[in-house]
Amino acid sequence: MQKWQHCKLVGKRVHFVGASGLFEDKSDSHLGERSAWSRLEDDGWELVAAVPDPQQDGELAFFFKRPAPPSI
């Protein structure tokens, strides 16, 4: 069965989703929103949803997924 990794992009900050489904503390901040989008695209992430983020005054939050690497 295919497993997936998930992340959320708000502005220029990418938040990675942990296996428990909760957002981890791990995040990447980029110089700008454009570079964040480019990095996600280059790393194989696929956009799955865009919703207003109530924690960021309605700024859009973009959710992505990509296939998880095989477990060793």
PDB file of N, CA and C in Angstrom:
ATOM      1  N   MET A   1       0.842  -1.176   0.000  1.00  0.00           N
ATOM      2  CA  MET A   1       0.000   0.000   0.000  1.00  0.00           C
ATOM      3  C   MET A   1       0.893   1.248   0.000  1.00  0.00           C
ATOM      4  N   GLN A   2       0.511   2.235  -0.797  1.00  0.00           N
ATOM      5  CA  GLN A   2       1.277   3.480  -0.895  1.00  0.00           C
ATOM      6  C   GLN A   2       1.101   4.315   0.375  1.00  0.00           C
ATOM      7  N   LYS A   3       2.208   4.815   0.922  1.00  0.00           N
ATOM      8  CA  LYS A   3       2.162   5.738   2.058  1.00  0.00           C
ATOM      9  C   LYS A   3       2.558   7.112   1.550  1.00  0.00           C
ATOM     10  N   TRP A   4       2.064   8.150   2.252  1.00  0.00           N
ATOM     11  CA  TRP A   4       2.264   9.525   1.800  1.00  0.00           C
ATOM     12  C   TRP A   4       2.872  10.379   2.896  1.00  0.00           C
ATOM     13  N   GLN A   5       3.616  11.384   2.482  1.00  0.00           N
ATOM     14  CA  GLN A   5       4.065  12.449   3.369  1.00  0.00           C
ATOM     15  C   GLN A   5       3.192  13.658   3.063  1.00  0.00           C
ATOM     16  N   HIS A   6       2.965  14.497   4.071  1.00  0.00           N
ATOM     17  CA  HIS A   6       2.112  15.671   3.896  1.00  0.00           C
ATOM     18  C   HIS A   6       2.784  16.905   4.475  1.00  0.00           C
ATOM     19  N   CYS A   7       2.488  18.063   3.881  1.00  0.00           N
ATOM     20  CA  CYS A   7       2.972  19.322   4.429  1.00  0.00           C
ATOM     21  C   CYS A   7       1.962  20.428   4.147  1.00  0.00           C
ATOM     22  N   LYS A   8       2.164  21.536   4.821  1.00  0.00           N
ATOM     23  CA  LYS A   8       1.276  22.706   4.718  1.00  0.00           C
ATOM     24  C   LYS A   8       2.157  23.920   4.460  1.00  0.00           C
ATOM     25  N   LEU A   9       1.781  24.755   3.494  1.00  0.00           N
ATOM     26  CA  LEU A   9       2.499  25.992   3.185  1.00  0.00           C
ATOM     27  C   LEU A   9       1.601  27.183   3.491  1.00  0.00           C
ATOM     28  N   VAL A  10       2.066  28.064   4.365  1.00  0.00           N
ATOM     29  CA  VAL A  10       1.368  29.319   4.657  1.00  0.00           C
ATOM     30  C   VAL A  10       2.400  30.426   4.477  1.00  0.00           C
ATOM     31  N   GLY A  11       2.146  31.305   3.509  1.00  0.00           N
ATOM     32  CA  GLY A  11       3.122  32.356   3.209  1.00  0.00           C
ATOM     33  C   GLY A  11       4.405  31.743   2.696  1.00  0.00           C
ATOM     34  N   LYS A  12       5.495  31.917   3.447  1.00  0.00           N
ATOM     35  CA  LYS A  12       6.780  31.354   3.031  1.00  0.00           C
ATOM     36  C   LYS A  12       7.261  30.260   3.971  1.00  0.00           C
ATOM     37  N   ARG A  13       6.391  29.771   4.859  1.00  0.00           N
ATOM     38  CA  ARG A  13       6.784  28.750   5.832  1.00  0.00           C
ATOM     39  C   ARG A  13       6.095  27.424   5.513  1.00  0.00           C
ATOM     40  N   VAL A  14       6.903  26.370   5.430  1.00  0.00           N
ATOM     41  CA  VAL A  14       6.420  25.013   5.177  1.00  0.00           C
ATOM     42  C   VAL A  14       6.426  24.249   6.495  1.00  0.00           C
ATOM     43  N   HIS A  15       5.292  23.664   6.848  1.00  0.00           N
ATOM     44  CA  HIS A  15       5.160  22.854   8.067  1.00  0.00           C
ATOM     45  C   HIS A  15       4.941  21.409   7.646  1.00  0.00           C
ATOM     46  N   PHE A  16       5.746  20.501   8.172  1.00  0.00           N
ATOM     47  CA  PHE A  16       5.644  19.092   7.812  1.00  0.00           C
ATOM     48  C   PHE A  16       4.736  18.366   8.796  1.00  0.00           C
ATOM     49  N   VAL A  17       3.883  17.474   8.272  1.00  0.00           N
ATOM     50  CA  VAL A  17       2.934  16.728   9.087  1.00  0.00           C
ATOM     51  C   VAL A  17       3.584  15.433   9.544  1.00  0.00           C
ATOM     52  N   GLY A  18       3.474  15.139  10.844  1.00  0.00           N
ATOM     53  CA  GLY A  18       4.033  13.912  11.401  1.00  0.00           C
ATOM     54  C   GLY A  18       3.118  12.727  11.170  1.00  0.00           C
ATOM     55  N   ALA A  19       3.609  11.555  11.491  1.00  0.00           N
ATOM     56  CA  ALA A  19       2.854  10.325  11.281  1.00  0.00           C
ATOM     57  C   ALA A  19       1.570  10.295  12.097  1.00  0.00           C
ATOM     58  N   SER A  20       1.531  11.004  13.225  1.00  0.00           N
ATOM     59  CA  SER A  20       0.338  11.010  14.065  1.00  0.00           C
ATOM     60  C   SER A  20      -0.764  11.896  13.495  1.00  0.00           C
ATOM     61  N   GLY A  21      -0.441  12.650  12.426  1.00  0.00           N
ATOM     62  CA  GLY A  21      -1.424  13.543  11.825  1.00  0.00           C
ATOM     63  C   GLY A  21      -1.370  14.945  12.400  1.00  0.00           C
ATOM     64  N   LEU A  22      -0.529  15.153  13.406  1.00  0.00           N
ATOM     65  CA  LEU A  22      -0.395  16.476  13.995  1.00  0.00           C
ATOM     66  C   LEU A  22       0.808  17.186  13.385  1.00  0.00           C
ATOM     67  N   PHE A  23       0.754  18.491  13.327  1.00  0.00           N
ATOM     68  CA  PHE A  23       1.883  19.231  12.777  1.00  0.00           C
ATOM     69  C   PHE A  23       3.038  19.204  13.755  1.00  0.00           C
ATOM     70  N   GLU A  24       4.200  18.837  13.247  1.00  0.00           N
ATOM     71  CA  GLU A  24       5.405  18.793  14.059  1.00  0.00           C
ATOM     72  C   GLU A  24       5.998  20.195  14.170  1.00  0.00           C
ATOM     73  N   ASP A  25       7.017  20.328  15.011  1.00  0.00           N
ATOM     74  CA  ASP A  25       7.718  21.595  15.138  1.00  0.00           C
ATOM     75  C   ASP A  25       8.611  21.868  13.934  1.00  0.00           C
ATOM     76  N   LYS A  26       8.913  20.822  13.161  1.00  0.00           N
ATOM     77  CA  LYS A  26       9.818  20.988  12.031  1.00  0.00           C
ATOM     78  C   LYS A  26       9.173  21.858  10.964  1.00  0.00           C
ATOM     79  N   SER A  27       9.859  22.909  10.581  1.00  0.00           N
ATOM     80  CA  SER A  27       9.378  23.757   9.495  1.00  0.00           C
ATOM     81  C   SER A  27      10.564  24.363   8.784  1.00  0.00           C
ATOM     82  N   ASP A  28      10.340  24.747   7.545  1.00  0.00           N
ATOM     83  CA  ASP A  28      11.358  25.415   6.743  1.00  0.00           C
ATOM     84  C   ASP A  28      10.831  26.784   6.372  1.00  0.00           C
ATOM     85  N   SER A  29      11.663  27.802   6.563  1.00  0.00           N
ATOM     86  CA  SER A  29      11.309  29.152   6.146  1.00  0.00           C
ATOM     87  C   SER A  29      12.200  29.527   4.973  1.00  0.00           C
ATOM     88  N   HIS A  30      11.605  30.091   3.959  1.00  0.00           N
ATOM     89  CA  HIS A  30      12.335  30.458   2.751  1.00  0.00           C
ATOM     90  C   HIS A  30      12.395  31.979   2.635  1.00  0.00           C
ATOM     91  N   LEU A  31      13.262  32.468   1.770  1.00  0.00           N
ATOM     92  CA  LEU A  31      13.414  33.913   1.603  1.00  0.00           C
ATOM     93  C   LEU A  31      12.124  34.555   1.113  1.00  0.00           C
ATOM     94  N   GLY A  32      11.345  33.837   0.354  1.00  0.00           N
ATOM     95  CA  GLY A  32      10.101  34.388  -0.142  1.00  0.00           C
ATOM     96  C   GLY A  32       9.122  33.287  -0.483  1.00  0.00           C
ATOM     97  N   GLU A  33       7.880  33.675  -0.728  1.00  0.00           N
ATOM     98  CA  GLU A  33       6.837  32.716  -1.034  1.00  0.00           C
ATOM     99  C   GLU A  33       7.145  31.982  -2.337  1.00  0.00           C
ATOM    100  N   ARG A  34       7.694  32.698  -3.307  1.00  0.00           N
ATOM    101  CA  ARG A  34       8.024  32.092  -4.600  1.00  0.00           C
ATOM    102  C   ARG A  34       9.067  30.989  -4.446  1.00  0.00           C
ATOM    103  N   SER A  35      10.088  31.220  -3.617  1.00  0.00           N
ATOM    104  CA  SER A  35      11.119  30.188  -3.424  1.00  0.00           C
ATOM    105  C   SER A  35      10.551  28.982  -2.667  1.00  0.00           C
ATOM    106  N   ALA A  36       9.590  29.204  -1.776  1.00  0.00           N
ATOM    107  CA  ALA A  36       8.955  28.092  -1.069  1.00  0.00           C
ATOM    108  C   ALA A  36       8.195  27.211  -2.063  1.00  0.00           C
ATOM    109  N   TRP A  37       7.442  27.838  -2.968  1.00  0.00           N
ATOM    110  CA  TRP A  37       6.712  27.080  -3.988  1.00  0.00           C
ATOM    111  C   TRP A  37       7.675  26.313  -4.882  1.00  0.00           C
ATOM    112  N   SER A  38       8.764  26.950  -5.289  1.00  0.00           N
ATOM    113  CA  SER A  38       9.753  26.293  -6.158  1.00  0.00           C
ATOM    114  C   SER A  38      10.375  25.092  -5.467  1.00  0.00           C
ATOM    115  N   ARG A  39      10.708  25.235  -4.195  1.00  0.00           N
ATOM    116  CA  ARG A  39      11.322  24.139  -3.444  1.00  0.00           C
ATOM    117  C   ARG A  39      10.380  22.948  -3.347  1.00  0.00           C
ATOM    118  N   LEU A  40       9.099  23.208  -3.057  1.00  0.00           N
ATOM    119  CA  LEU A  40       8.132  22.114  -2.972  1.00  0.00           C
ATOM    120  C   LEU A  40       7.988  21.406  -4.320  1.00  0.00           C
ATOM    121  N   GLU A  41       7.910  22.165  -5.379  1.00  0.00           N
ATOM    122  CA  GLU A  41       7.788  21.581  -6.714  1.00  0.00           C
ATOM    123  C   GLU A  41       9.025  20.744  -7.053  1.00  0.00           C
ATOM    124  N   ASP A  42      10.202  21.270  -6.765  1.00  0.00           N
ATOM    125  CA  ASP A  42      11.450  20.555  -7.048  1.00  0.00           C
ATOM    126  C   ASP A  42      11.570  19.269  -6.246  1.00  0.00           C
ATOM    127  N   ASP A  43      10.974  19.242  -5.048  1.00  0.00           N
ATOM    128  CA  ASP A  43      11.060  18.066  -4.175  1.00  0.00           C
ATOM    129  C   ASP A  43       9.929  17.062  -4.403  1.00  0.00           C
ATOM    130  N   GLY A  44       9.094  17.292  -5.431  1.00  0.00           N
ATOM    131  CA  GLY A  44       8.071  16.306  -5.799  1.00  0.00           C
ATOM    132  C   GLY A  44       6.747  16.401  -5.064  1.00  0.00           C
ATOM    133  N   TRP A  45       6.466  17.532  -4.403  1.00  0.00           N
ATOM    134  CA  TRP A  45       5.204  17.689  -3.685  1.00  0.00           C
ATOM    135  C   TRP A  45       4.082  18.021  -4.665  1.00  0.00           C
ATOM    136  N   GLU A  46       2.883  17.494  -4.412  1.00  0.00           N
ATOM    137  CA  GLU A  46       1.702  17.719  -5.234  1.00  0.00           C
ATOM    138  C   GLU A  46       0.645  18.468  -4.414  1.00  0.00           C
ATOM    139  N   LEU A  47       0.134  19.578  -4.957  1.00  0.00           N
ATOM    140  CA  LEU A  47      -0.894  20.363  -4.277  1.00  0.00           C
ATOM    141  C   LEU A  47      -2.201  19.578  -4.238  1.00  0.00           C
ATOM    142  N   VAL A  48      -2.822  19.486  -3.049  1.00  0.00           N
ATOM    143  CA  VAL A  48      -4.091  18.760  -2.920  1.00  0.00           C
ATOM    144  C   VAL A  48      -5.234  19.640  -2.425  1.00  0.00           C
ATOM    145  N   ALA A  49      -4.947  20.754  -1.745  1.00  0.00           N
ATOM    146  CA  ALA A  49      -6.027  21.610  -1.241  1.00  0.00           C
ATOM    147  C   ALA A  49      -5.481  22.991  -0.887  1.00  0.00           C
ATOM    148  N   ALA A  50      -6.361  23.977  -0.956  1.00  0.00           N
ATOM    149  CA  ALA A  50      -6.055  25.332  -0.507  1.00  0.00           C
ATOM    150  C   ALA A  50      -7.269  25.832   0.267  1.00  0.00           C
ATOM    151  N   VAL A  51      -7.046  26.213   1.538  1.00  0.00           N
ATOM    152  CA  VAL A  51      -8.147  26.660   2.399  1.00  0.00           C
ATOM    153  C   VAL A  51      -7.699  27.884   3.204  1.00  0.00           C
ATOM    154  N   PRO A  52      -8.636  28.762   3.579  1.00  0.00           N
ATOM    155  CA  PRO A  52      -8.267  29.882   4.450  1.00  0.00           C
ATOM    156  C   PRO A  52      -7.784  29.366   5.806  1.00  0.00           C
ATOM    157  N   ASP A  53      -6.693  29.911   6.305  1.00  0.00           N
ATOM    158  CA  ASP A  53      -6.120  29.504   7.590  1.00  0.00           C
ATOM    159  C   ASP A  53      -6.589  30.479   8.666  1.00  0.00           C
ATOM    160  N   PRO A  54      -7.470  30.049   9.577  1.00  0.00           N
ATOM    161  CA  PRO A  54      -7.999  30.960  10.599  1.00  0.00           C
ATOM    162  C   PRO A  54      -6.918  31.485  11.551  1.00  0.00           C
ATOM    163  N   GLN A  55      -5.793  30.780  11.686  1.00  0.00           N
ATOM    164  CA  GLN A  55      -4.720  31.235  12.560  1.00  0.00           C
ATOM    165  C   GLN A  55      -3.894  32.340  11.915  1.00  0.00           C
ATOM    166  N   GLN A  56      -4.063  32.564  10.612  1.00  0.00           N
ATOM    167  CA  GLN A  56      -3.281  33.563   9.887  1.00  0.00           C
ATOM    168  C   GLN A  56      -4.191  34.620   9.253  1.00  0.00           C
ATOM    169  N   ASP A  57      -5.243  35.023   9.927  1.00  0.00           N
ATOM    170  CA  ASP A  57      -6.182  36.046   9.445  1.00  0.00           C
ATOM    171  C   ASP A  57      -6.729  35.734   8.057  1.00  0.00           C
ATOM    172  N   GLY A  58      -7.047  34.456   7.806  1.00  0.00           N
ATOM    173  CA  GLY A  58      -7.657  34.073   6.544  1.00  0.00           C
ATOM    174  C   GLY A  58      -6.695  33.903   5.389  1.00  0.00           C
ATOM    175  N   GLU A  59      -5.385  34.058   5.613  1.00  0.00           N
ATOM    176  CA  GLU A  59      -4.414  33.804   4.551  1.00  0.00           C
ATOM    177  C   GLU A  59      -4.563  32.349   4.107  1.00  0.00           C
ATOM    178  N   LEU A  60      -4.388  32.083   2.829  1.00  0.00           N
ATOM    179  CA  LEU A  60      -4.564  30.721   2.343  1.00  0.00           C
ATOM    180  C   LEU A  60      -3.468  29.793   2.848  1.00  0.00           C
ATOM    181  N   ALA A  61      -3.882  28.604   3.233  1.00  0.00           N
ATOM    182  CA  ALA A  61      -2.964  27.523   3.596  1.00  0.00           C
ATOM    183  C   ALA A  61      -3.061  26.490   2.482  1.00  0.00           C
ATOM    184  N   PHE A  62      -1.922  26.081   1.947  1.00  0.00           N
ATOM    185  CA  PHE A  62      -1.868  25.122   0.857  1.00  0.00           C
ATOM    186  C   PHE A  62      -1.353  23.793   1.399  1.00  0.00           C
ATOM    187  N   PHE A  63      -2.062  22.712   1.100  1.00  0.00           N
ATOM    188  CA  PHE A  63      -1.687  21.387   1.581  1.00  0.00           C
ATOM    189  C   PHE A  63      -1.164  20.553   0.424  1.00  0.00           C
ATOM    190  N   PHE A  64      -0.061  19.829   0.679  1.00  0.00           N
ATOM    191  CA  PHE A  64       0.620  19.046  -0.343  1.00  0.00           C
ATOM    192  C   PHE A  64       0.830  17.618   0.140  1.00  0.00           C
ATOM    193  N   LYS A  65       1.052  16.718  -0.830  1.00  0.00           N
ATOM    194  CA  LYS A  65       1.421  15.340  -0.507  1.00  0.00           C
ATOM    195  C   LYS A  65       2.468  14.872  -1.508  1.00  0.00           C
ATOM    196  N   ARG A  66       3.224  13.843  -1.111  1.00  0.00           N
ATOM    197  CA  ARG A  66       4.153  13.149  -2.011  1.00  0.00           C
ATOM    198  C   ARG A  66       4.326  11.738  -1.487  1.00  0.00           C
ATOM    199  N   PRO A  67       4.679  10.807  -2.378  1.00  0.00           N
ATOM    200  CA  PRO A  67       4.890   9.433  -1.916  1.00  0.00           C
ATOM    201  C   PRO A  67       6.019   9.381  -0.869  1.00  0.00           C
ATOM    202  N   ALA A  68       5.781   8.622   0.176  1.00  0.00           N
ATOM    203  CA  ALA A  68       6.810   8.439   1.213  1.00  0.00           C
ATOM    204  C   ALA A  68       7.870   7.480   0.680  1.00  0.00           C
ATOM    205  N   PRO A  69       9.125   7.701   1.073  1.00  0.00           N
ATOM    206  CA  PRO A  69      10.162   6.760   0.641  1.00  0.00           C
ATOM    207  C   PRO A  69       9.920   5.390   1.271  1.00  0.00           C
ATOM    208  N   PRO A  70      10.369   4.327   0.605  1.00  0.00           N
ATOM    209  CA  PRO A  70      10.176   2.988   1.171  1.00  0.00           C
ATOM    210  C   PRO A  70      10.872   2.847   2.524  1.00  0.00           C
ATOM    211  N   SER A  71      10.229   2.116   3.424  1.00  0.00           N
ATOM    212  CA  SER A  71      10.819   1.866   4.754  1.00  0.00           C
ATOM    213  C   SER A  71      11.939   0.842   4.621  1.00  0.00           C
ATOM    214  N   ILE A  72      12.927   1.002   5.473  1.00  0.00           N
ATOM    215  CA  ILE A  72      14.061   0.057   5.443  1.00  0.00           C
ATOM    216  C   ILE A  72      13.804  -1.056   6.427  1.00  0.00           C
TER     217      ILE A  72
END
